[in-house]
Amino acid sequence: MKLIPLGDKVVLKQAEVEETTKSGIILTASAKEKPQYADVIAVGPGGMVDGKEVAMQVKVGDKVIYSKYAGTEVKLEDEEYMVVRQSDIVAIVED
């Protein structure tokens, strides 16, 4: 099965959460905060969205930072994804 986003939507796969802190403290599942850092898995076509022309600025494979309360969580074949609007992505992370 494959997720294909529509309009200005982007499918993200969240980065793995560190299970120990730098000082060696092991975090329980309830103490872990979901990261706002993710990999772009799929990108919608852009085009006319809400009466405005939208050009997609991210591409598959980009690493991005997105707004904390953005998007919709989706579970597909035991994998968790986030579907967000491109406007909810605040930065592209470059190496």
PDB file of N, CA and C in Angstrom:
ATOM      1  N   MET A   1       0.841  -1.167   0.000  1.00  0.00           N
ATOM      2  CA  MET A   1       0.000   0.000   0.000  1.00  0.00           C
ATOM      3  C   MET A   1       0.893   1.239   0.000  1.00  0.00           C
ATOM      4  N   LYS A   2       0.406   2.328  -0.617  1.00  0.00           N
ATOM      5  CA  LYS A   2       1.216   3.521  -0.791  1.00  0.00           C
ATOM      6  C   LYS A   2       0.360   4.760  -0.527  1.00  0.00           C
ATOM      7  N   LEU A   3       0.905   5.752   0.170  1.00  0.00           N
ATOM      8  CA  LEU A   3       0.206   7.013   0.408  1.00  0.00           C
ATOM      9  C   LEU A   3       0.575   8.001  -0.694  1.00  0.00           C
ATOM     10  N   ILE A   4      -0.429   8.553  -1.361  1.00  0.00           N
ATOM     11  CA  ILE A   4      -0.207   9.555  -2.396  1.00  0.00           C
ATOM     12  C   ILE A   4      -0.944  10.823  -1.959  1.00  0.00           C
ATOM     13  N   PRO A   5      -0.206  11.860  -1.547  1.00  0.00           N
ATOM     14  CA  PRO A   5      -0.849  13.076  -1.058  1.00  0.00           C
ATOM     15  C   PRO A   5      -1.467  13.896  -2.183  1.00  0.00           C
ATOM     16  N   LEU A   6      -2.505  14.656  -1.849  1.00  0.00           N
ATOM     17  CA  LEU A   6      -3.191  15.516  -2.805  1.00  0.00           C
ATOM     18  C   LEU A   6      -2.857  16.978  -2.526  1.00  0.00           C
ATOM     19  N   GLY A   7      -2.982  17.824  -3.534  1.00  0.00           N
ATOM     20  CA  GLY A   7      -2.785  19.263  -3.369  1.00  0.00           C
ATOM     21  C   GLY A   7      -1.432  19.610  -2.786  1.00  0.00           C
ATOM     22  N   ASP A   8      -1.437  20.403  -1.716  1.00  0.00           N
ATOM     23  CA  ASP A   8      -0.187  20.852  -1.104  1.00  0.00           C
ATOM     24  C   ASP A   8       0.207  20.006   0.103  1.00  0.00           C
ATOM     25  N   LYS A   9      -0.275  18.776   0.158  1.00  0.00           N
ATOM     26  CA  LYS A   9       0.026  17.889   1.289  1.00  0.00           C
ATOM     27  C   LYS A   9       1.370  17.183   1.092  1.00  0.00           C
ATOM     28  N   VAL A  10       2.025  16.850   2.222  1.00  0.00           N
ATOM     29  CA  VAL A  10       3.312  16.169   2.229  1.00  0.00           C
ATOM     30  C   VAL A  10       3.223  15.036   3.249  1.00  0.00           C
ATOM     31  N   VAL A  11       3.714  13.839   2.890  1.00  0.00           N
ATOM     32  CA  VAL A  11       3.751  12.707   3.813  1.00  0.00           C
ATOM     33  C   VAL A  11       5.141  12.652   4.437  1.00  0.00           C
ATOM     34  N   LEU A  12       5.177  12.618   5.773  1.00  0.00           N
ATOM     35  CA  LEU A  12       6.437  12.603   6.514  1.00  0.00           C
ATOM     36  C   LEU A  12       6.547  11.338   7.348  1.00  0.00           C
ATOM     37  N   LYS A  13       7.756  10.864   7.525  1.00  0.00           N
ATOM     38  CA  LYS A  13       8.030   9.763   8.455  1.00  0.00           C
ATOM     39  C   LYS A  13       8.901  10.347   9.547  1.00  0.00           C
ATOM     40  N   GLN A  14       8.417  10.310  10.770  1.00  0.00           N
ATOM     41  CA  GLN A  14       9.124  10.924  11.884  1.00  0.00           C
ATOM     42  C   GLN A  14      10.444  10.222  12.159  1.00  0.00           C
ATOM     43  N   ALA A  15      11.417  11.020  12.598  1.00  0.00           N
ATOM     44  CA  ALA A  15      12.720  10.486  12.984  1.00  0.00           C
ATOM     45  C   ALA A  15      12.565   9.677  14.267  1.00  0.00           C
ATOM     46  N   GLU A  16      13.462   8.734  14.466  1.00  0.00           N
ATOM     47  CA  GLU A  16      13.422   7.914  15.678  1.00  0.00           C
ATOM     48  C   GLU A  16      13.775   8.769  16.892  1.00  0.00           C
ATOM     49  N   VAL A  17      13.119   8.510  18.022  1.00  0.00           N
ATOM     50  CA  VAL A  17      13.343   9.255  19.251  1.00  0.00           C
ATOM     51  C   VAL A  17      14.488   8.609  20.015  1.00  0.00           C
ATOM     52  N   GLU A  18      15.382   9.452  20.541  1.00  0.00           N
ATOM     53  CA  GLU A  18      16.463   8.943  21.382  1.00  0.00           C
ATOM     54  C   GLU A  18      15.872   8.303  22.635  1.00  0.00           C
ATOM     55  N   GLU A  19      16.401   7.162  23.035  1.00  0.00           N
ATOM     56  CA  GLU A  19      15.868   6.502  24.220  1.00  0.00           C
ATOM     57  C   GLU A  19      16.671   6.811  25.472  1.00  0.00           C
ATOM     58  N   THR A  20      17.870   7.374  25.314  1.00  0.00           N
ATOM     59  CA  THR A  20      18.656   7.811  26.466  1.00  0.00           C
ATOM     60  C   THR A  20      19.109   9.242  26.224  1.00  0.00           C
ATOM     61  N   THR A  21      19.228   9.995  27.303  1.00  0.00           N
ATOM     62  CA  THR A  21      19.706  11.368  27.185  1.00  0.00           C
ATOM     63  C   THR A  21      21.221  11.354  27.061  1.00  0.00           C
ATOM     64  N   LYS A  22      21.806  12.514  26.784  1.00  0.00           N
ATOM     65  CA  LYS A  22      23.265  12.613  26.665  1.00  0.00           C
ATOM     66  C   LYS A  22      23.951  12.243  27.965  1.00  0.00           C
ATOM     67  N   SER A  23      23.296  12.465  29.089  1.00  0.00           N
ATOM     68  CA  SER A  23      23.891  12.135  30.383  1.00  0.00           C
ATOM     69  C   SER A  23      23.653  10.676  30.779  1.00  0.00           C
ATOM     70  N   GLY A  24      22.971   9.893  29.899  1.00  0.00           N
ATOM     71  CA  GLY A  24      22.787   8.468  30.148  1.00  0.00           C
ATOM     72  C   GLY A  24      21.481   8.099  30.809  1.00  0.00           C
ATOM     73  N   ILE A  25      20.587   9.041  31.000  1.00  0.00           N
ATOM     74  CA  ILE A  25      19.291   8.742  31.623  1.00  0.00           C
ATOM     75  C   ILE A  25      18.399   8.068  30.585  1.00  0.00           C
ATOM     76  N   ILE A  26      17.828   6.918  30.940  1.00  0.00           N
ATOM     77  CA  ILE A  26      16.944   6.191  30.034  1.00  0.00           C
ATOM     78  C   ILE A  26      15.532   6.733  30.188  1.00  0.00           C
ATOM     79  N   LEU A  27      14.920   7.097  29.058  1.00  0.00           N
ATOM     80  CA  LEU A  27      13.572   7.660  29.081  1.00  0.00           C
ATOM     81  C   LEU A  27      12.528   6.569  28.874  1.00  0.00           C
ATOM     82  N   THR A  28      11.440   6.648  29.630  1.00  0.00           N
ATOM     83  CA  THR A  28      10.336   5.717  29.428  1.00  0.00           C
ATOM     84  C   THR A  28       9.523   6.201  28.238  1.00  0.00           C
ATOM     85  N   ALA A  29       8.660   5.360  27.715  1.00  0.00           N
ATOM     86  CA  ALA A  29       7.849   5.712  26.545  1.00  0.00           C
ATOM     87  C   ALA A  29       6.993   6.940  26.813  1.00  0.00           C
ATOM     88  N   SER A  30       6.472   7.085  28.031  1.00  0.00           N
ATOM     89  CA  SER A  30       5.614   8.228  28.342  1.00  0.00           C
ATOM     90  C   SER A  30       6.402   9.528  28.462  1.00  0.00           C
ATOM     91  N   ALA A  31       7.703   9.448  28.720  1.00  0.00           N
ATOM     92  CA  ALA A  31       8.525  10.652  28.870  1.00  0.00           C
ATOM     93  C   ALA A  31       9.082  11.136  27.545  1.00  0.00           C
ATOM     94  N   LYS A  32       8.989  10.313  26.531  1.00  0.00           N
ATOM     95  CA  LYS A  32       9.526  10.690  25.223  1.00  0.00           C
ATOM     96  C   LYS A  32       8.595  11.675  24.531  1.00  0.00           C
ATOM     97  N   GLU A  33       9.190  12.670  23.928  1.00  0.00           N
ATOM     98  CA  GLU A  33       8.414  13.628  23.150  1.00  0.00           C
ATOM     99  C   GLU A  33       8.651  13.322  21.679  1.00  0.00           C
ATOM    100  N   LYS A  34       7.576  13.320  20.902  1.00  0.00           N
ATOM    101  CA  LYS A  34       7.741  13.054  19.481  1.00  0.00           C
ATOM    102  C   LYS A  34       8.553  14.161  18.843  1.00  0.00           C
ATOM    103  N   PRO A  35       9.473  13.811  17.970  1.00  0.00           N
ATOM    104  CA  PRO A  35      10.301  14.834  17.332  1.00  0.00           C
ATOM    105  C   PRO A  35       9.505  15.632  16.304  1.00  0.00           C
ATOM    106  N   GLN A  36       9.986  16.810  16.002  1.00  0.00           N
ATOM    107  CA  GLN A  36       9.395  17.627  14.949  1.00  0.00           C
ATOM    108  C   GLN A  36      10.282  17.546  13.713  1.00  0.00           C
ATOM    109  N   TYR A  37      11.135  16.551  13.682  1.00  0.00           N
ATOM    110  CA  TYR A  37      12.099  16.344  12.614  1.00  0.00           C
ATOM    111  C   TYR A  37      11.664  15.090  11.852  1.00  0.00           C
ATOM    112  N   ALA A  38      11.599  15.178  10.524  1.00  0.00           N
ATOM    113  CA  ALA A  38      11.084  14.042   9.753  1.00  0.00           C
ATOM    114  C   ALA A  38      11.685  14.002   8.358  1.00  0.00           C
ATOM    115  N   ASP A  39      11.523  12.845   7.710  1.00  0.00           N
ATOM    116  CA  ASP A  39      11.934  12.656   6.322  1.00  0.00           C
ATOM    117  C   ASP A  39      10.693  12.759   5.437  1.00  0.00           C
ATOM    118  N   VAL A  40      10.839  13.397   4.278  1.00  0.00           N
ATOM    119  CA  VAL A  40       9.739  13.516   3.324  1.00  0.00           C
ATOM    120  C   VAL A  40       9.633  12.205   2.550  1.00  0.00           C
ATOM    121  N   ILE A  41       8.468  11.563   2.597  1.00  0.00           N
ATOM    122  CA  ILE A  41       8.228  10.287   1.936  1.00  0.00           C
ATOM    123  C   ILE A  41       7.506  10.477   0.606  1.00  0.00           C
ATOM    124  N   ALA A  42       6.562  11.427   0.550  1.00  0.00           N
ATOM    125  CA  ALA A  42       5.802  11.687  -0.673  1.00  0.00           C
ATOM    126  C   ALA A  42       5.345  13.144  -0.670  1.00  0.00           C
ATOM    127  N   VAL A  43       5.214  13.717  -1.878  1.00  0.00           N
ATOM    128  CA  VAL A  43       4.831  15.118  -2.028  1.00  0.00           C
ATOM    129  C   VAL A  43       3.680  15.220  -3.015  1.00  0.00           C
ATOM    130  N   GLY A  44       2.667  16.017  -2.655  1.00  0.00           N
ATOM    131  CA  GLY A  44       1.541  16.248  -3.545  1.00  0.00           C
ATOM    132  C   GLY A  44       1.944  17.107  -4.734  1.00  0.00           C
ATOM    133  N   PRO A  45       1.052  17.245  -5.711  1.00  0.00           N
ATOM    134  CA  PRO A  45       1.377  17.970  -6.937  1.00  0.00           C
ATOM    135  C   PRO A  45       1.358  19.487  -6.808  1.00  0.00           C
ATOM    136  N   GLY A  46       0.821  20.024  -5.711  1.00  0.00           N
ATOM    137  CA  GLY A  46       0.702  21.479  -5.594  1.00  0.00           C
ATOM    138  C   GLY A  46      -0.462  21.950  -6.436  1.00  0.00           C
ATOM    139  N   GLY A  47      -0.268  23.020  -7.222  1.00  0.00           N
ATOM    140  CA  GLY A  47      -1.342  23.532  -8.074  1.00  0.00           C
ATOM    141  C   GLY A  47      -2.202  24.526  -7.337  1.00  0.00           C
ATOM    142  N   MET A  48      -3.464  24.613  -7.713  1.00  0.00           N
ATOM    143  CA  MET A  48      -4.394  25.561  -7.085  1.00  0.00           C
ATOM    144  C   MET A  48      -4.915  24.988  -5.765  1.00  0.00           C
ATOM    145  N   VAL A  49      -4.616  25.677  -4.665  1.00  0.00           N
ATOM    146  CA  VAL A  49      -5.082  25.276  -3.344  1.00  0.00           C
ATOM    147  C   VAL A  49      -5.700  26.498  -2.690  1.00  0.00           C
ATOM    148  N   ASP A  50      -6.970  26.403  -2.328  1.00  0.00           N
ATOM    149  CA  ASP A  50      -7.709  27.517  -1.724  1.00  0.00           C
ATOM    150  C   ASP A  50      -7.628  28.776  -2.581  1.00  0.00           C
ATOM    151  N   GLY A  51      -7.682  28.612  -3.894  1.00  0.00           N
ATOM    152  CA  GLY A  51      -7.683  29.748  -4.809  1.00  0.00           C
ATOM    153  C   GLY A  51      -6.327  30.377  -5.068  1.00  0.00           C
ATOM    154  N   LYS A  52      -5.263  29.776  -4.554  1.00  0.00           N
ATOM    155  CA  LYS A  52      -3.910  30.315  -4.755  1.00  0.00           C
ATOM    156  C   LYS A  52      -3.029  29.257  -5.401  1.00  0.00           C
ATOM    157  N   GLU A  53      -2.126  29.701  -6.259  1.00  0.00           N
ATOM    158  CA  GLU A  53      -1.177  28.793  -6.897  1.00  0.00           C
ATOM    159  C   GLU A  53      -0.109  28.400  -5.872  1.00  0.00           C
ATOM    160  N   VAL A  54       0.096  27.089  -5.678  1.00  0.00           N
ATOM    161  CA  VAL A  54       1.087  26.600  -4.730  1.00  0.00           C
ATOM    162  C   VAL A  54       2.134  25.783  -5.483  1.00  0.00           C
ATOM    163  N   ALA A  55       3.392  26.211  -5.386  1.00  0.00           N
ATOM    164  CA  ALA A  55       4.516  25.464  -5.957  1.00  0.00           C
ATOM    165  C   ALA A  55       5.164  24.687  -4.815  1.00  0.00           C
ATOM    166  N   MET A  56       5.375  23.399  -5.007  1.00  0.00           N
ATOM    167  CA  MET A  56       5.947  22.582  -3.954  1.00  0.00           C
ATOM    168  C   MET A  56       7.451  22.870  -3.839  1.00  0.00           C
ATOM    169  N   GLN A  57       7.902  23.166  -2.615  1.00  0.00           N
ATOM    170  CA  GLN A  57       9.294  23.506  -2.370  1.00  0.00           C
ATOM    171  C   GLN A  57      10.077  22.370  -1.740  1.00  0.00           C
ATOM    172  N   VAL A  58       9.401  21.311  -1.319  1.00  0.00           N
ATOM    173  CA  VAL A  58      10.093  20.151  -0.752  1.00  0.00           C
ATOM    174  C   VAL A  58      10.011  19.001  -1.741  1.00  0.00           C
ATOM    175  N   LYS A  59      10.921  18.057  -1.597  1.00  0.00           N
ATOM    176  CA  LYS A  59      10.923  16.892  -2.478  1.00  0.00           C
ATOM    177  C   LYS A  59      11.175  15.643  -1.643  1.00  0.00           C
ATOM    178  N   VAL A  60      10.873  14.495  -2.213  1.00  0.00           N
ATOM    179  CA  VAL A  60      11.077  13.222  -1.535  1.00  0.00           C
ATOM    180  C   VAL A  60      12.555  13.100  -1.160  1.00  0.00           C
ATOM    181  N   GLY A  61      12.805  12.701   0.081  1.00  0.00           N
ATOM    182  CA  GLY A  61      14.171  12.542   0.568  1.00  0.00           C
ATOM    183  C   GLY A  61      14.662  13.704   1.407  1.00  0.00           C
ATOM    184  N   ASP A  62      13.974  14.868   1.341  1.00  0.00           N
ATOM    185  CA  ASP A  62      14.360  16.007   2.168  1.00  0.00           C
ATOM    186  C   ASP A  62      14.147  15.682   3.636  1.00  0.00           C
ATOM    187  N   LYS A  63      14.975  16.268   4.485  1.00  0.00           N
ATOM    188  CA  LYS A  63      14.783  16.199   5.935  1.00  0.00           C
ATOM    189  C   LYS A  63      14.236  17.558   6.345  1.00  0.00           C
ATOM    190  N   VAL A  64      13.130  17.552   7.095  1.00  0.00           N
ATOM    191  CA  VAL A  64      12.445  18.800   7.405  1.00  0.00           C
ATOM    192  C   VAL A  64      12.097  18.905   8.888  1.00  0.00           C
ATOM    193  N   ILE A  65      11.794  20.124   9.303  1.00  0.00           N
ATOM    194  CA  ILE A  65      11.256  20.397  10.634  1.00  0.00           C
ATOM    195  C   ILE A  65       9.862  20.969  10.409  1.00  0.00           C
ATOM    196  N   TYR A  66       8.875  20.438  11.140  1.00  0.00           N
ATOM    197  CA  TYR A  66       7.496  20.871  10.954  1.00  0.00           C
ATOM    198  C   TYR A  66       6.912  21.402  12.261  1.00  0.00           C
ATOM    199  N   SER A  67       5.825  22.144  12.157  1.00  0.00           N
ATOM    200  CA  SER A  67       5.159  22.738  13.325  1.00  0.00           C
ATOM    201  C   SER A  67       4.721  21.654  14.308  1.00  0.00           C
ATOM    202  N   LYS A  68       4.794  21.971  15.574  1.00  0.00           N
ATOM    203  CA  LYS A  68       4.542  20.994  16.634  1.00  0.00           C
ATOM    204  C   LYS A  68       3.165  20.333  16.581  1.00  0.00           C
ATOM    205  N   TYR A  69       2.109  21.086  16.342  1.00  0.00           N
ATOM    206  CA  TYR A  69       0.763  20.520  16.375  1.00  0.00           C
ATOM    207  C   TYR A  69       0.156  20.368  14.987  1.00  0.00           C
ATOM    208  N   ALA A  70       0.990  20.241  13.993  1.00  0.00           N
ATOM    209  CA  ALA A  70       0.527  20.178  12.600  1.00  0.00           C
ATOM    210  C   ALA A  70       0.176  18.754  12.185  1.00  0.00           C
ATOM    211  N   GLY A  71      -0.671  18.661  11.182  1.00  0.00           N
ATOM    212  CA  GLY A  71      -0.876  17.419  10.469  1.00  0.00           C
ATOM    213  C   GLY A  71      -1.805  16.402  11.089  1.00  0.00           C
ATOM    214  N   THR A  72      -1.865  15.282  10.379  1.00  0.00           N
ATOM    215  CA  THR A  72      -2.708  14.157  10.755  1.00  0.00           C
ATOM    216  C   THR A  72      -1.830  12.916  10.835  1.00  0.00           C
ATOM    217  N   GLU A  73      -1.903  12.205  11.949  1.00  0.00           N
ATOM    218  CA  GLU A  73      -1.131  10.971  12.093  1.00  0.00           C
ATOM    219  C   GLU A  73      -1.870   9.838  11.395  1.00  0.00           C
ATOM    220  N   VAL A  74      -1.121   9.028  10.648  1.00  0.00           N
ATOM    221  CA  VAL A  74      -1.690   7.915   9.896  1.00  0.00           C
ATOM    222  C   VAL A  74      -0.844   6.681  10.163  1.00  0.00           C
ATOM    223  N   LYS A  75      -1.506   5.541  10.427  1.00  0.00           N
ATOM    224  CA  LYS A  75      -0.787   4.281  10.592  1.00  0.00           C
ATOM    225  C   LYS A  75      -1.144   3.390   9.411  1.00  0.00           C
ATOM    226  N   LEU A  76      -0.139   2.946   8.681  1.00  0.00           N
ATOM    227  CA  LEU A  76      -0.348   2.139   7.490  1.00  0.00           C
ATOM    228  C   LEU A  76       0.664   1.004   7.487  1.00  0.00           C
ATOM    229  N   GLU A  77       0.172  -0.225   7.527  1.00  0.00           N
ATOM    230  CA  GLU A  77       1.024  -1.417   7.540  1.00  0.00           C
ATOM    231  C   GLU A  77       2.093  -1.331   8.629  1.00  0.00           C
ATOM    232  N   ASP A  78       1.673  -1.060   9.861  1.00  0.00           N
ATOM    233  CA  ASP A  78       2.535  -0.990  11.043  1.00  0.00           C
ATOM    234  C   ASP A  78       3.583   0.115  10.996  1.00  0.00           C
ATOM    235  N   GLU A  79       3.461   1.062  10.088  1.00  0.00           N
ATOM    236  CA  GLU A  79       4.344   2.233  10.024  1.00  0.00           C
ATOM    237  C   GLU A  79       3.511   3.467  10.333  1.00  0.00           C
ATOM    238  N   GLU A  80       4.092   4.420  11.055  1.00  0.00           N
ATOM    239  CA  GLU A  80       3.386   5.660  11.372  1.00  0.00           C
ATOM    240  C   GLU A  80       3.915   6.791  10.509  1.00  0.00           C
ATOM    241  N   TYR A  81       2.980   7.576   9.961  1.00  0.00           N
ATOM    242  CA  TYR A  81       3.311   8.704   9.101  1.00  0.00           C
ATOM    243  C   TYR A  81       2.553   9.930   9.569  1.00  0.00           C
ATOM    244  N   MET A  82       3.001  11.096   9.126  1.00  0.00           N
ATOM    245  CA  MET A  82       2.307  12.354   9.340  1.00  0.00           C
ATOM    246  C   MET A  82       1.979  12.925   7.968  1.00  0.00           C
ATOM    247  N   VAL A  83       0.754  13.410   7.793  1.00  0.00           N
ATOM    248  CA  VAL A  83       0.380  14.109   6.566  1.00  0.00           C
ATOM    249  C   VAL A  83       0.171  15.564   6.960  1.00  0.00           C
ATOM    250  N   VAL A  84       1.001  16.457   6.406  1.00  0.00           N
ATOM    251  CA  VAL A  84       0.945  17.879   6.749  1.00  0.00           C
ATOM    252  C   VAL A  84       0.808  18.718   5.486  1.00  0.00           C
ATOM    253  N   ARG A  85       0.360  19.946   5.640  1.00  0.00           N
ATOM    254  CA  ARG A  85       0.369  20.899   4.531  1.00  0.00           C
ATOM    255  C   ARG A  85       1.796  21.401   4.389  1.00  0.00           C
ATOM    256  N   GLN A  86       2.170  21.753   3.181  1.00  0.00           N
ATOM    257  CA  GLN A  86       3.516  22.279   2.984  1.00  0.00           C
ATOM    258  C   GLN A  86       3.768  23.515   3.866  1.00  0.00           C
ATOM    259  N   SER A  87       2.736  24.311   4.103  1.00  0.00           N
ATOM    260  CA  SER A  87       2.892  25.508   4.934  1.00  0.00           C
ATOM    261  C   SER A  87       3.188  25.192   6.402  1.00  0.00           C
ATOM    262  N   ASP A  88       2.957  23.933   6.825  1.00  0.00           N
ATOM    263  CA  ASP A  88       3.290  23.520   8.199  1.00  0.00           C
ATOM    264  C   ASP A  88       4.752  23.122   8.345  1.00  0.00           C
ATOM    265  N   ILE A  89       5.465  23.026   7.237  1.00  0.00           N
ATOM    266  CA  ILE A  89       6.902  22.721   7.273  1.00  0.00           C
ATOM    267  C   ILE A  89       7.625  24.043   7.428  1.00  0.00           C
ATOM    268  N   VAL A  90       8.444  24.154   8.486  1.00  0.00           N
ATOM    269  CA  VAL A  90       9.085  25.427   8.781  1.00  0.00           C
ATOM    270  C   VAL A  90      10.505  25.526   8.242  1.00  0.00           C
ATOM    271  N   ALA A  91      11.160  24.376   7.969  1.00  0.00           N
ATOM    272  CA  ALA A  91      12.533  24.426   7.463  1.00  0.00           C
ATOM    273  C   ALA A  91      12.926  23.107   6.809  1.00  0.00           C
ATOM    274  N   ILE A  92      13.843  23.205   5.844  1.00  0.00           N
ATOM    275  CA  ILE A  92      14.481  22.031   5.256  1.00  0.00           C
ATOM    276  C   ILE A  92      15.869  21.947   5.878  1.00  0.00           C
ATOM    277  N   VAL A  93      16.263  20.781   6.372  1.00  0.00           N
ATOM    278  CA  VAL A  93      17.553  20.600   7.016  1.00  0.00           C
ATOM    279  C   VAL A  93      18.545  20.094   5.978  1.00  0.00           C
ATOM    280  N   GLU A  94      19.624  20.827   5.792  1.00  0.00           N
ATOM    281  CA  GLU A  94      20.672  20.423   4.850  1.00  0.00           C
ATOM    282  C   GLU A  94      21.899  19.960   5.607  1.00  0.00           C
ATOM    283  N   ASP A  95      22.603  18.982   5.060  1.00  0.00           N
ATOM    284  CA  ASP A  95      23.839  18.478   5.692  1.00  0.00           C
ATOM    285  C   ASP A  95      25.004  19.385   5.397  1.00  0.00           C
TER     286      ASP A  95
END
